[in-house]
N, C-alpha and C. Protein backbone atom coordinates (compact mmCIF):
# COMPACT_ATOMS: atom_id res chain seq x y z
N MET A 1 0.83 -0.50 -0.12
CA MET A 1 -0.03 0.27 -0.40
C MET A 1 1.17 0.75 0.10
N GLY A 2 0.22 2.13 -0.94
CA GLY A 2 1.00 3.79 -0.62
C GLY A 2 1.26 3.78 0.21
N GLU A 3 2.12 5.21 0.54
CA GLU A 3 1.29 6.59 1.97
C GLU A 3 0.63 7.09 1.78
N GLU A 4 0.19 7.15 -0.26
CA GLU A 4 -0.96 8.40 -0.84
C GLU A 4 -1.88 7.88 -0.50
N THR A 5 -2.80 8.82 0.79
CA THR A 5 -4.47 8.75 -0.55
C THR A 5 -5.05 10.09 -1.22
N SER A 6 -6.29 9.66 -1.14
CA SER A 6 -6.97 10.13 -2.21
C SER A 6 -6.93 11.98 -1.72
N ASN A 7 -6.88 12.84 -2.16
CA ASN A 7 -7.02 14.33 -2.13
C ASN A 7 -5.63 14.19 -1.16
N ASN A 8 -4.59 14.07 -1.44
CA ASN A 8 -3.29 14.09 -1.01
C ASN A 8 -3.14 14.30 1.21
N ARG A 9 -4.47 13.04 1.30
CA ARG A 9 -4.25 12.74 2.86
C ARG A 9 -3.96 11.37 2.44
N THR A 10 -2.35 11.21 3.83
CA THR A 10 -2.20 10.83 3.55
C THR A 10 -2.31 9.56 4.58
N HIS A 11 -1.52 8.64 4.88
CA HIS A 11 -2.02 6.97 5.28
C HIS A 11 -2.06 7.07 6.76
N ARG A 12 -0.50 7.83 6.80
CA ARG A 12 -0.30 8.42 8.54
C ARG A 12 -1.48 9.52 9.51
N GLU A 13 -1.92 10.58 8.09
CA GLU A 13 -2.72 11.54 8.66
C GLU A 13 -4.06 10.26 8.88
N VAL A 14 -5.59 9.96 8.40
CA VAL A 14 -5.53 8.92 8.87
C VAL A 14 -5.65 8.35 9.97
N ILE A 15 -3.73 7.85 10.68
CA ILE A 15 -4.21 7.32 11.47
C ILE A 15 -3.89 8.38 12.98
N GLU A 16 -3.58 9.40 12.47
CA GLU A 16 -3.63 11.13 13.37
C GLU A 16 -4.54 11.28 13.74
N ASP A 17 -6.03 10.66 13.24
CA ASP A 17 -6.94 11.65 13.38
C ASP A 17 -8.09 10.44 13.53
N ILE A 18 -7.82 9.16 13.43
CA ILE A 18 -8.42 7.85 15.06
C ILE A 18 -7.48 7.73 15.28
N CYS A 19 -6.32 7.62 16.01
CA CYS A 19 -5.63 7.64 17.47
C CYS A 19 -4.78 8.49 17.37
N PRO A 20 -5.39 9.91 17.73
CA PRO A 20 -5.03 11.42 18.25
C PRO A 20 -4.79 10.37 19.42
N CYS A 21 -2.48 10.22 19.65
CA CYS A 21 -2.04 10.17 21.49
C CYS A 21 -1.06 11.16 21.42
N LYS A 22 -1.59 12.11 21.13
CA LYS A 22 -0.60 13.29 21.33
C LYS A 22 0.59 13.15 22.15
N GLY A 23 1.78 13.44 21.61
CA GLY A 23 2.48 13.41 23.40
C GLY A 23 2.78 11.79 23.98
N LYS A 24 1.47 11.28 23.83
CA LYS A 24 2.11 9.99 24.68
C LYS A 24 2.74 8.86 23.38
N TYR A 25 2.94 8.07 23.78
CA TYR A 25 3.28 5.70 22.69
C TYR A 25 2.35 5.71 22.87
N CYS A 26 2.31 5.04 21.70
CA CYS A 26 0.21 4.55 21.38
C CYS A 26 0.83 3.46 20.32
N ILE A 27 0.65 2.37 21.40
CA ILE A 27 1.25 0.87 20.47
C ILE A 27 0.17 0.67 19.56
N LEU A 28 -1.15 1.09 19.80
CA LEU A 28 -1.67 0.77 18.05
C LEU A 28 -1.69 2.14 16.98
N LYS A 29 -1.23 3.07 17.31
CA LYS A 29 -0.70 3.90 15.93
C LYS A 29 0.31 2.72 15.38
N GLU A 30 1.63 2.44 16.43
CA GLU A 30 2.54 1.77 16.28
C GLU A 30 2.65 0.25 15.74
N ILE A 31 1.48 -0.13 15.63
CA ILE A 31 1.21 -2.06 15.18
C ILE A 31 0.32 -0.86 13.38
N VAL A 32 -0.40 -0.25 13.72
CA VAL A 32 -1.36 0.07 12.64
C VAL A 32 -0.54 1.00 11.25
N LEU A 33 0.37 1.47 12.09
CA LEU A 33 1.62 2.29 10.50
C LEU A 33 2.60 0.89 10.56
N ARG A 34 2.61 0.50 10.82
CA ARG A 34 3.84 -0.95 10.42
C ARG A 34 2.86 -2.40 9.30
N GLU A 35 1.55 -1.79 9.88
CA GLU A 35 0.50 -3.49 9.02
C GLU A 35 0.22 -2.85 7.51
N SER A 36 0.46 -3.18 6.32
CA SER A 36 0.38 -2.72 5.63
C SER A 36 -0.88 -3.63 5.22
N ARG A 37 -2.26 -4.18 5.78
CA ARG A 37 -2.92 -5.06 4.61
C ARG A 37 -4.31 -3.97 5.30
N VAL A 38 -4.39 -2.72 6.64
CA VAL A 38 -4.72 -2.21 7.07
C VAL A 38 -5.04 -1.20 6.25
N ASP A 39 -6.47 -1.07 4.82
CA ASP A 39 -6.39 -0.09 4.67
C ASP A 39 -7.43 1.08 5.64
N ASP A 40 -7.43 2.57 4.67
CA ASP A 40 -7.70 3.45 5.37
C ASP A 40 -9.33 3.46 5.66
N ARG A 41 -9.82 2.89 4.70
CA ARG A 41 -11.75 3.11 5.53
C ARG A 41 -12.02 1.84 5.99
N MET A 42 -11.09 0.45 6.42
CA MET A 42 -11.09 -0.73 7.47
C MET A 42 -11.31 0.06 8.71
N LEU A 43 -9.61 1.28 8.87
CA LEU A 43 -9.64 1.73 9.38
C LEU A 43 -10.64 2.91 10.19
N GLU A 44 -11.17 3.88 9.58
CA GLU A 44 -12.17 4.51 9.37
C GLU A 44 -13.86 3.94 10.14
N GLN A 45 -13.71 2.88 9.69
CA GLN A 45 -14.98 1.81 10.09
C GLN A 45 -14.98 1.65 11.61
N ILE A 46 -13.19 0.80 11.53
CA ILE A 46 -13.06 -0.38 12.89
C ILE A 46 -13.74 1.37 13.86
N LYS A 47 -12.89 2.40 14.29
CA LYS A 47 -12.81 3.88 15.15
C LYS A 47 -14.19 4.03 15.03
N CYS A 48 -15.33 4.04 14.21
CA CYS A 48 -16.66 4.58 13.68
C CYS A 48 -16.91 2.92 15.11
N ILE A 49 -17.22 2.33 15.05
CA ILE A 49 -16.88 0.80 15.56
C ILE A 49 -16.81 1.62 17.32
N GLU A 50 -16.18 2.14 17.18
CA GLU A 50 -15.43 1.49 17.98
C GLU A 50 -16.60 2.72 19.08
N ARG A 51 -16.20 3.84 18.42
CA ARG A 51 -17.12 5.79 19.22
C ARG A 51 -18.62 4.78 19.58
N PHE A 52 -18.99 4.14 18.20
CA PHE A 52 -20.60 3.55 18.59
C PHE A 52 -20.34 2.33 19.37
N LYS A 53 -20.04 1.85 20.22
CA LYS A 53 -19.31 0.57 20.87
C LYS A 53 -19.86 1.53 22.59
N TYR A 54 -18.62 2.81 22.25
CA TYR A 54 -18.83 2.95 24.11
C TYR A 54 -20.27 3.74 24.16
N GLU A 55 -20.64 4.51 23.05
CA GLU A 55 -22.24 4.77 23.24
C GLU A 55 -23.56 4.59 23.67
N GLU A 56 -23.31 2.66 22.95
CA GLU A 56 -24.02 2.06 23.28
C GLU A 56 -23.77 1.73 25.26
N SER A 57 -22.38 1.34 25.37
CA SER A 57 -22.20 0.72 26.36
C SER A 57 -22.27 2.03 27.38
N GLN A 58 -22.65 3.07 27.18
CA GLN A 58 -23.24 4.55 27.83
C GLN A 58 -24.63 3.72 28.12
N ARG A 59 -25.64 4.41 27.27
CA ARG A 59 -26.67 3.67 26.73
C ARG A 59 -27.10 3.33 27.85
N GLN A 60 -26.67 1.58 27.57
CA GLN A 60 -27.14 0.36 28.67
C GLN A 60 -26.66 0.29 29.53
N ARG A 61 -25.58 0.85 29.47
CA ARG A 61 -24.96 1.15 31.13
C ARG A 61 -23.85 -0.10 31.99
N LYS A 62 -23.48 -0.46 30.18
CA LYS A 62 -22.42 -2.05 30.53
C LYS A 62 -21.94 -2.15 29.47
N ASP A 63 -20.64 -2.71 29.51
CA ASP A 63 -19.68 -3.05 28.09
C ASP A 63 -20.33 -3.42 27.42
N ILE A 64 -21.09 -3.27 26.17
CA ILE A 64 -21.77 -4.19 25.13
C ILE A 64 -20.71 -4.79 24.43
N GLY A 65 -19.43 -4.84 24.65
CA GLY A 65 -18.12 -5.77 23.82
C GLY A 65 -18.26 -5.56 22.57
N TRP A 66 -16.96 -6.08 22.39
CA TRP A 66 -16.64 -6.24 20.41
C TRP A 66 -17.64 -6.74 19.37
N ASN A 67 -18.00 -7.77 19.50
CA ASN A 67 -18.60 -8.75 18.43
C ASN A 67 -20.13 -7.99 19.44
N GLN A 68 -20.78 -8.00 19.94
CA GLN A 68 -22.16 -6.95 20.36
C GLN A 68 -22.04 -6.20 19.27
N ALA A 69 -21.47 -4.73 19.00
CA ALA A 69 -21.50 -3.69 19.12
C ALA A 69 -21.12 -3.56 17.31
N ASN A 70 -19.99 -4.76 16.79
CA ASN A 70 -20.05 -4.55 15.80
C ASN A 70 -21.35 -5.64 14.96
N LEU A 71 -22.20 -6.40 15.49
CA LEU A 71 -23.05 -6.87 15.46
C LEU A 71 -24.68 -5.72 15.65
N LEU A 72 -24.32 -5.05 16.25
CA LEU A 72 -25.43 -3.75 16.15
C LEU A 72 -25.10 -2.73 15.14
N TRP A 73 -23.81 -2.67 14.77
CA TRP A 73 -23.77 -2.14 13.90
C TRP A 73 -24.10 -1.86 12.77
N THR A 74 -23.47 -3.02 12.29
CA THR A 74 -24.25 -4.40 11.09
C THR A 74 -25.57 -3.94 10.57
N ILE A 75 -26.25 -4.63 11.50
CA ILE A 75 -28.16 -5.13 11.80
C ILE A 75 -29.09 -3.58 11.75
N ASN A 76 -28.53 -2.63 12.56
CA ASN A 76 -29.47 -0.90 12.74
C ASN A 76 -28.44 -0.36 11.54
N GLY A 77 -27.44 -1.14 10.19
CA GLY A 77 -27.55 -0.13 8.76
C GLY A 77 -26.54 0.35 8.89
N HIS A 78 -26.11 0.61 9.78
CA HIS A 78 -24.77 1.75 10.27
C HIS A 78 -24.07 1.26 8.92
N ALA A 79 -23.40 -0.34 9.05
CA ALA A 79 -22.34 -0.31 7.69
C ALA A 79 -22.69 -0.14 6.66
N LYS A 80 -24.11 0.05 5.69
CA LYS A 80 -24.22 -0.18 5.11
C LYS A 80 -24.63 1.42 5.11
N ARG A 81 -24.74 2.62 5.43
CA ARG A 81 -24.49 4.12 5.38
C ARG A 81 -23.01 4.72 5.86
N PHE A 82 -22.29 3.69 6.56
CA PHE A 82 -20.74 3.93 6.04
C PHE A 82 -20.58 3.96 4.96
N ALA A 83 -20.62 2.53 3.84
CA ALA A 83 -20.70 2.24 2.74
C ALA A 83 -21.35 3.62 1.31
N GLU A 84 -22.13 4.18 1.72
CA GLU A 84 -22.93 5.16 1.24
C GLU A 84 -22.31 6.85 1.16
N VAL A 85 -21.77 6.68 2.16
CA VAL A 85 -21.62 8.07 2.71
C VAL A 85 -19.44 8.09 2.97
N TYR A 86 -19.10 6.97 3.22
CA TYR A 86 -17.24 7.22 2.67
C TYR A 86 -16.83 7.68 1.72
N GLU A 87 -15.92 8.84 2.24
CA GLU A 87 -14.94 9.17 1.37
C GLU A 87 -13.71 9.79 2.24
N PRO A 88 -12.69 9.17 1.16
CA PRO A 88 -11.53 9.07 1.80
C PRO A 88 -11.21 10.68 2.29
N TRP A 89 -11.72 11.17 2.06
CA TRP A 89 -11.18 12.83 2.14
C TRP A 89 -11.68 13.18 3.78
N MET A 90 -12.73 12.46 3.93
CA MET A 90 -13.30 12.74 5.92
C MET A 90 -12.85 12.23 6.78
N ARG A 91 -12.52 13.41 7.31
CA ARG A 91 -11.98 13.13 8.77
C ARG A 91 -13.34 12.04 9.89
N ASN A 92 -12.50 11.25 10.86
CA ASN A 92 -13.33 9.96 10.97
C ASN A 92 -14.50 10.87 11.57
N GLY A 93 -14.89 11.92 12.77
CA GLY A 93 -15.85 12.30 13.44
C GLY A 93 -16.26 12.76 12.58
N THR A 94 -16.22 13.89 11.26
CA THR A 94 -17.56 14.25 10.05
C THR A 94 -18.12 12.64 9.68
N LEU A 95 -17.68 11.51 9.12
CA LEU A 95 -17.96 10.02 9.00
C LEU A 95 -19.12 9.80 10.07
N TYR A 96 -18.24 9.68 10.94
CA TYR A 96 -19.10 9.15 12.69
C TYR A 96 -20.85 9.65 12.09
N GLU A 97 -20.50 10.65 12.22
CA GLU A 97 -21.80 11.94 12.36
C GLU A 97 -22.45 11.67 11.39
N LEU A 98 -22.37 11.58 10.20
CA LEU A 98 -23.17 11.36 9.06
C LEU A 98 -23.67 9.87 8.73
N VAL A 99 -22.91 9.27 9.15
CA VAL A 99 -23.73 7.89 9.57
C VAL A 99 -24.75 7.60 10.34
N MET A 100 -24.27 8.57 11.75
CA MET A 100 -25.63 8.61 12.62
C MET A 100 -26.75 9.58 12.24
N SER A 101 -26.53 10.41 11.75
CA SER A 101 -27.56 11.35 11.53
C SER A 101 -28.37 10.46 10.42
N SER A 102 -28.45 9.09 9.98
CA SER A 102 -29.19 9.05 8.74
C SER A 102 -30.23 8.35 9.48
N LYS A 103 -29.43 7.96 10.84
CA LYS A 103 -30.85 6.90 11.96
C LYS A 103 -31.65 8.40 12.82
N LYS A 104 -30.69 9.24 12.79
CA LYS A 104 -31.88 10.36 13.60
C LYS A 104 -33.42 11.01 12.59
N GLU A 105 -32.13 10.75 10.83
CA GLU A 105 -33.92 11.43 10.10
C GLU A 105 -34.57 11.03 9.87
N ASP A 106 -34.16 8.94 10.14
CA ASP A 106 -35.48 7.60 9.76
C ASP A 106 -36.18 8.24 10.88
N GLY A 107 -35.79 8.47 12.29
CA GLY A 107 -36.64 8.96 13.42
C GLY A 107 -36.54 7.51 14.29
N LEU A 108 -35.39 6.45 14.03
CA LEU A 108 -34.65 5.18 14.24
C LEU A 108 -34.18 5.66 15.42
C-alpha cells in the first residue's frame, strides 16, 4: 500500500485522526503504521464502531463488547450507511456523524 491516499491525505494522517495520542506513545498507532494490509477505509470503520461501542455501552450502562457492537453496527444499518457516505478525505468525526445522522432522520 502506498503512503498517499485520495486528496493528498496520507495514511499517517488518517491514523493520526483516528488515534490522536499526541505526545504519548501509542502501541495501536505503531502497529497500524507497520501493518500494510489494513487500508484507510477499514481503519475509519473500526474507529466508528469503537465510538458506537462506547456510546451504546453508555446507553445500556454496561460494556456491550466488541462482538455485540459489531453485530449492532451491522443490524442497525450503520455499516451500509458507512459504505454510502465514506469518502477518503473525510475526518472520522464527520464520517461518524453522517452515519449516525441518517438514523436520526429516519426516526430510529
